[in-house]
Amino acid sequence: MTLQLKVPKIACAGCVDTVAKAVKSVDATAKIEAEPKTKMVTIETQKSAAEIKKAIAAAGYPAT
């Protein structure tokens, strides 16, 4: 499934790396694309949206 999430706290490449690591911690095969300017993150994953959002939030980047 493909998720599109708005992550308001994402601001730089370091933020993108942190979010990517959080997603990979629950789905190692996930593909992540993030755009700090628009605050949008696109994730291709086999996990549920709830699991992905929980992992990103735990890294300090709550997603909507």
PDB file of N, CA and C in Angstrom:
ATOM      1  N   MET A   1       0.835  -1.168   0.000  1.00  0.00           N
ATOM      2  CA  MET A   1       0.000   0.000   0.000  1.00  0.00           C
ATOM      3  C   MET A   1       0.884   1.236   0.000  1.00  0.00           C
ATOM      4  N   THR A   2       0.361   2.319  -0.515  1.00  0.00           N
ATOM      5  CA  THR A   2       1.094   3.584  -0.535  1.00  0.00           C
ATOM      6  C   THR A   2       0.406   4.563   0.407  1.00  0.00           C
ATOM      7  N   LEU A   3       1.192   5.103   1.319  1.00  0.00           N
ATOM      8  CA  LEU A   3       0.687   6.098   2.265  1.00  0.00           C
ATOM      9  C   LEU A   3       1.243   7.461   1.907  1.00  0.00           C
ATOM     10  N   GLN A   4       0.413   8.481   2.016  1.00  0.00           N
ATOM     11  CA  GLN A   4       0.886   9.851   1.874  1.00  0.00           C
ATOM     12  C   GLN A   4       0.572  10.548   3.182  1.00  0.00           C
ATOM     13  N   LEU A   5       1.627  10.974   3.866  1.00  0.00           N
ATOM     14  CA  LEU A   5       1.463  11.584   5.180  1.00  0.00           C
ATOM     15  C   LEU A   5       2.039  12.986   5.193  1.00  0.00           C
ATOM     16  N   LYS A   6       1.406  13.859   5.936  1.00  0.00           N
ATOM     17  CA  LYS A   6       1.957  15.195   6.156  1.00  0.00           C
ATOM     18  C   LYS A   6       2.691  15.141   7.491  1.00  0.00           C
ATOM     19  N   VAL A   7       3.963  15.537   7.479  1.00  0.00           N
ATOM     20  CA  VAL A   7       4.795  15.504   8.676  1.00  0.00           C
ATOM     21  C   VAL A   7       5.305  16.927   8.908  1.00  0.00           C
ATOM     22  N   PRO A   8       4.543  17.736   9.663  1.00  0.00           N
ATOM     23  CA  PRO A   8       4.845  19.166   9.813  1.00  0.00           C
ATOM     24  C   PRO A   8       6.247  19.490  10.343  1.00  0.00           C
ATOM     25  N   LYS A   9       6.831  18.585  11.140  1.00  0.00           N
ATOM     26  CA  LYS A   9       8.134  18.879  11.749  1.00  0.00           C
ATOM     27  C   LYS A   9       9.321  18.581  10.829  1.00  0.00           C
ATOM     28  N   ILE A  10       9.070  17.977   9.676  1.00  0.00           N
ATOM     29  CA  ILE A  10      10.180  17.630   8.776  1.00  0.00           C
ATOM     30  C   ILE A  10      10.714  18.908   8.131  1.00  0.00           C
ATOM     31  N   ALA A  11      12.017  19.147   8.280  1.00  0.00           N
ATOM     32  CA  ALA A  11      12.558  20.423   7.807  1.00  0.00           C
ATOM     33  C   ALA A  11      13.844  20.302   6.991  1.00  0.00           C
ATOM     34  N   CYS A  12      14.517  19.145   7.079  1.00  0.00           N
ATOM     35  CA  CYS A  12      15.814  19.041   6.403  1.00  0.00           C
ATOM     36  C   CYS A  12      16.124  17.582   6.075  1.00  0.00           C
ATOM     37  N   ALA A  13      17.267  17.362   5.450  1.00  0.00           N
ATOM     38  CA  ALA A  13      17.669  16.006   5.076  1.00  0.00           C
ATOM     39  C   ALA A  13      17.859  15.127   6.310  1.00  0.00           C
ATOM     40  N   GLY A  14      18.312  15.705   7.393  1.00  0.00           N
ATOM     41  CA  GLY A  14      18.473  14.939   8.632  1.00  0.00           C
ATOM     42  C   GLY A  14      17.140  14.440   9.149  1.00  0.00           C
ATOM     43  N   CYS A  15      16.123  15.299   9.043  1.00  0.00           N
ATOM     44  CA  CYS A  15      14.759  14.904   9.448  1.00  0.00           C
ATOM     45  C   CYS A  15      14.281  13.748   8.575  1.00  0.00           C
ATOM     46  N   VAL A  16      14.522  13.847   7.286  1.00  0.00           N
ATOM     47  CA  VAL A  16      14.117  12.800   6.349  1.00  0.00           C
ATOM     48  C   VAL A  16      14.781  11.485   6.726  1.00  0.00           C
ATOM     49  N   ASP A  17      16.082  11.522   7.054  1.00  0.00           N
ATOM     50  CA  ASP A  17      16.804  10.310   7.450  1.00  0.00           C
ATOM     51  C   ASP A  17      16.203   9.694   8.704  1.00  0.00           C
ATOM     52  N   THR A  18      15.866  10.540   9.681  1.00  0.00           N
ATOM     53  CA  THR A  18      15.284  10.048  10.931  1.00  0.00           C
ATOM     54  C   THR A  18      13.941   9.372  10.678  1.00  0.00           C
ATOM     55  N   VAL A  19      13.107  10.005   9.859  1.00  0.00           N
ATOM     56  CA  VAL A  19      11.798   9.433   9.528  1.00  0.00           C
ATOM     57  C   VAL A  19      11.990   8.117   8.766  1.00  0.00           C
ATOM     58  N   ALA A  20      12.913   8.093   7.824  1.00  0.00           N
ATOM     59  CA  ALA A  20      13.173   6.879   7.039  1.00  0.00           C
ATOM     60  C   ALA A  20      13.625   5.737   7.945  1.00  0.00           C
ATOM     61  N   LYS A  21      14.512   6.024   8.890  1.00  0.00           N
ATOM     62  CA  LYS A  21      14.980   4.989   9.823  1.00  0.00           C
ATOM     63  C   LYS A  21      13.825   4.472  10.672  1.00  0.00           C
ATOM     64  N   ALA A  22      12.936   5.370  11.089  1.00  0.00           N
ATOM     65  CA  ALA A  22      11.786   4.959  11.892  1.00  0.00           C
ATOM     66  C   ALA A  22      10.884   4.014  11.107  1.00  0.00           C
ATOM     67  N   VAL A  23      10.634   4.358   9.842  1.00  0.00           N
ATOM     68  CA  VAL A  23       9.793   3.501   8.998  1.00  0.00           C
ATOM     69  C   VAL A  23      10.475   2.163   8.771  1.00  0.00           C
ATOM     70  N   LYS A  24      11.760   2.186   8.479  1.00  0.00           N
ATOM     71  CA  LYS A  24      12.513   0.953   8.213  1.00  0.00           C
ATOM     72  C   LYS A  24      12.563   0.053   9.446  1.00  0.00           C
ATOM     73  N   SER A  25      12.411   0.634  10.640  1.00  0.00           N
ATOM     74  CA  SER A  25      12.437  -0.180  11.855  1.00  0.00           C
ATOM     75  C   SER A  25      11.220  -1.098  11.950  1.00  0.00           C
ATOM     76  N   VAL A  26      10.115  -0.722  11.317  1.00  0.00           N
ATOM     77  CA  VAL A  26       8.927  -1.581  11.315  1.00  0.00           C
ATOM     78  C   VAL A  26       8.712  -2.289   9.979  1.00  0.00           C
ATOM     79  N   ASP A  27       9.298  -1.773   8.900  1.00  0.00           N
ATOM     80  CA  ASP A  27       9.194  -2.404   7.582  1.00  0.00           C
ATOM     81  C   ASP A  27      10.484  -2.158   6.810  1.00  0.00           C
ATOM     82  N   ALA A  28      11.385  -3.114   6.894  1.00  0.00           N
ATOM     83  CA  ALA A  28      12.703  -2.971   6.276  1.00  0.00           C
ATOM     84  C   ALA A  28      12.639  -2.828   4.760  1.00  0.00           C
ATOM     85  N   THR A  29      11.542  -3.260   4.147  1.00  0.00           N
ATOM     86  CA  THR A  29      11.435  -3.206   2.685  1.00  0.00           C
ATOM     87  C   THR A  29      10.695  -1.961   2.195  1.00  0.00           C
ATOM     88  N   ALA A  30      10.285  -1.096   3.110  1.00  0.00           N
ATOM     89  CA  ALA A  30       9.523   0.102   2.732  1.00  0.00           C
ATOM     90  C   ALA A  30      10.359   1.028   1.846  1.00  0.00           C
ATOM     91  N   LYS A  31       9.665   1.722   0.953  1.00  0.00           N
ATOM     92  CA  LYS A  31      10.302   2.749   0.114  1.00  0.00           C
ATOM     93  C   LYS A  31       9.748   4.090   0.574  1.00  0.00           C
ATOM     94  N   ILE A  32      10.665   5.024   0.858  1.00  0.00           N
ATOM     95  CA  ILE A  32      10.262   6.312   1.420  1.00  0.00           C
ATOM     96  C   ILE A  32      10.746   7.450   0.531  1.00  0.00           C
ATOM     97  N   GLU A  33       9.834   8.374   0.239  1.00  0.00           N
ATOM     98  CA  GLU A  33      10.186   9.615  -0.449  1.00  0.00           C
ATOM     99  C   GLU A  33       9.648  10.745   0.390  1.00  0.00           C
ATOM    100  N   ALA A  34      10.500  11.719   0.700  1.00  0.00           N
ATOM    101  CA  ALA A  34      10.057  12.837   1.526  1.00  0.00           C
ATOM    102  C   ALA A  34      10.486  14.153   0.899  1.00  0.00           C
ATOM    103  N   GLU A  35       9.638  15.144   1.034  1.00  0.00           N
ATOM    104  CA  GLU A  35       9.905  16.479   0.501  1.00  0.00           C
ATOM    105  C   GLU A  35       9.776  17.484   1.653  1.00  0.00           C
ATOM    106  N   PRO A  36      10.918  17.914   2.212  1.00  0.00           N
ATOM    107  CA  PRO A  36      10.868  18.861   3.333  1.00  0.00           C
ATOM    108  C   PRO A  36      10.110  20.155   3.031  1.00  0.00           C
ATOM    109  N   LYS A  37      10.155  20.631   1.804  1.00  0.00           N
ATOM    110  CA  LYS A  37       9.480  21.895   1.470  1.00  0.00           C
ATOM    111  C   LYS A  37       7.972  21.790   1.626  1.00  0.00           C
ATOM    112  N   THR A  38       7.393  20.655   1.205  1.00  0.00           N
ATOM    113  CA  THR A  38       5.942  20.483   1.289  1.00  0.00           C
ATOM    114  C   THR A  38       5.518  19.731   2.547  1.00  0.00           C
ATOM    115  N   LYS A  39       6.506  19.171   3.270  1.00  0.00           N
ATOM    116  CA  LYS A  39       6.246  18.388   4.493  1.00  0.00           C
ATOM    117  C   LYS A  39       5.525  17.079   4.198  1.00  0.00           C
ATOM    118  N   MET A  40       5.558  16.628   2.950  1.00  0.00           N
ATOM    119  CA  MET A  40       4.869  15.397   2.566  1.00  0.00           C
ATOM    120  C   MET A  40       5.846  14.223   2.494  1.00  0.00           C
ATOM    121  N   VAL A  41       5.380  13.082   2.990  1.00  0.00           N
ATOM    122  CA  VAL A  41       6.172  11.855   2.954  1.00  0.00           C
ATOM    123  C   VAL A  41       5.311  10.784   2.279  1.00  0.00           C
ATOM    124  N   THR A  42       5.869  10.132   1.276  1.00  0.00           N
ATOM    125  CA  THR A  42       5.192   9.036   0.592  1.00  0.00           C
ATOM    126  C   THR A  42       5.921   7.753   0.948  1.00  0.00           C
ATOM    127  N   ILE A  43       5.159   6.771   1.407  1.00  0.00           N
ATOM    128  CA  ILE A  43       5.752   5.518   1.869  1.00  0.00           C
ATOM    129  C   ILE A  43       5.035   4.355   1.205  1.00  0.00           C
ATOM    130  N   GLU A  44       5.809   3.468   0.584  1.00  0.00           N
ATOM    131  CA  GLU A  44       5.271   2.213   0.054  1.00  0.00           C
ATOM    132  C   GLU A  44       5.614   1.149   1.083  1.00  0.00           C
ATOM    133  N   THR A  45       4.588   0.542   1.678  1.00  0.00           N
ATOM    134  CA  THR A  45       4.809  -0.402   2.770  1.00  0.00           C
ATOM    135  C   THR A  45       3.764  -1.505   2.791  1.00  0.00           C
ATOM    136  N   GLN A  46       4.101  -2.582   3.458  1.00  0.00           N
ATOM    137  CA  GLN A  46       3.160  -3.679   3.683  1.00  0.00           C
ATOM    138  C   GLN A  46       2.508  -3.557   5.060  1.00  0.00           C
ATOM    139  N   LYS A  47       3.002  -2.648   5.883  1.00  0.00           N
ATOM    140  CA  LYS A  47       2.482  -2.457   7.239  1.00  0.00           C
ATOM    141  C   LYS A  47       1.279  -1.521   7.232  1.00  0.00           C
ATOM    142  N   SER A  48       0.550  -1.508   8.345  1.00  0.00           N
ATOM    143  CA  SER A  48      -0.641  -0.650   8.434  1.00  0.00           C
ATOM    144  C   SER A  48      -0.234   0.808   8.628  1.00  0.00           C
ATOM    145  N   ALA A  49      -1.139   1.704   8.263  1.00  0.00           N
ATOM    146  CA  ALA A  49      -0.895   3.135   8.445  1.00  0.00           C
ATOM    147  C   ALA A  49      -0.650   3.437   9.916  1.00  0.00           C
ATOM    148  N   ALA A  50      -1.392   2.767  10.803  1.00  0.00           N
ATOM    149  CA  ALA A  50      -1.241   2.999  12.241  1.00  0.00           C
ATOM    150  C   ALA A  50       0.169   2.645  12.708  1.00  0.00           C
ATOM    151  N   GLU A  51       0.706   1.519  12.231  1.00  0.00           N
ATOM    152  CA  GLU A  51       2.059   1.108  12.625  1.00  0.00           C
ATOM    153  C   GLU A  51       3.099   2.113  12.139  1.00  0.00           C
ATOM    154  N   ILE A  52       2.953   2.566  10.909  1.00  0.00           N
ATOM    155  CA  ILE A  52       3.905   3.521  10.333  1.00  0.00           C
ATOM    156  C   ILE A  52       3.839   4.848  11.081  1.00  0.00           C
ATOM    157  N   LYS A  53       2.623   5.346  11.324  1.00  0.00           N
ATOM    158  CA  LYS A  53       2.471   6.615  12.042  1.00  0.00           C
ATOM    159  C   LYS A  53       3.040   6.525  13.458  1.00  0.00           C
ATOM    160  N   LYS A  54       2.825   5.394  14.109  1.00  0.00           N
ATOM    161  CA  LYS A  54       3.336   5.197  15.464  1.00  0.00           C
ATOM    162  C   LYS A  54       4.868   5.240  15.475  1.00  0.00           C
ATOM    163  N   ALA A  55       5.500   4.600  14.509  1.00  0.00           N
ATOM    164  CA  ALA A  55       6.960   4.584  14.439  1.00  0.00           C
ATOM    165  C   ALA A  55       7.513   5.978  14.174  1.00  0.00           C
ATOM    166  N   ILE A  56       6.873   6.721  13.264  1.00  0.00           N
ATOM    167  CA  ILE A  56       7.323   8.086  12.948  1.00  0.00           C
ATOM    168  C   ILE A  56       7.131   8.987  14.171  1.00  0.00           C
ATOM    169  N   ALA A  57       6.002   8.858  14.839  1.00  0.00           N
ATOM    170  CA  ALA A  57       5.731   9.672  16.038  1.00  0.00           C
ATOM    171  C   ALA A  57       6.746   9.374  17.134  1.00  0.00           C
ATOM    172  N   ALA A  58       7.117   8.110  17.290  1.00  0.00           N
ATOM    173  CA  ALA A  58       8.089   7.719  18.314  1.00  0.00           C
ATOM    174  C   ALA A  58       9.456   8.344  18.042  1.00  0.00           C
ATOM    175  N   ALA A  59       9.720   8.653  16.770  1.00  0.00           N
ATOM    176  CA  ALA A  59      10.987   9.305  16.402  1.00  0.00           C
ATOM    177  C   ALA A  59      10.919  10.814  16.579  1.00  0.00           C
ATOM    178  N   GLY A  60       9.743  11.311  16.987  1.00  0.00           N
ATOM    179  CA  GLY A  60       9.590  12.746  17.234  1.00  0.00           C
ATOM    180  C   GLY A  60       8.979  13.534  16.096  1.00  0.00           C
ATOM    181  N   TYR A  61       8.367  12.825  15.146  1.00  0.00           N
ATOM    182  CA  TYR A  61       7.776  13.478  13.982  1.00  0.00           C
ATOM    183  C   TYR A  61       6.334  13.013  13.786  1.00  0.00           C
ATOM    184  N   PRO A  62       5.396  13.504  14.606  1.00  0.00           N
ATOM    185  CA  PRO A  62       4.007  13.068  14.435  1.00  0.00           C
ATOM    186  C   PRO A  62       3.489  13.373  13.032  1.00  0.00           C
ATOM    187  N   ALA A  63       2.787  12.411  12.459  1.00  0.00           N
ATOM    188  CA  ALA A  63       2.270  12.550  11.090  1.00  0.00           C
ATOM    189  C   ALA A  63       0.761  12.625  11.100  1.00  0.00           C
ATOM    190  N   THR A  64       0.211  13.300  10.097  1.00  0.00           N
ATOM    191  CA  THR A  64      -1.244  13.370   9.964  1.00  0.00           C
ATOM    192  C   THR A  64      -1.665  12.741   8.660  1.00  0.00           C
TER     193      THR A  64
END
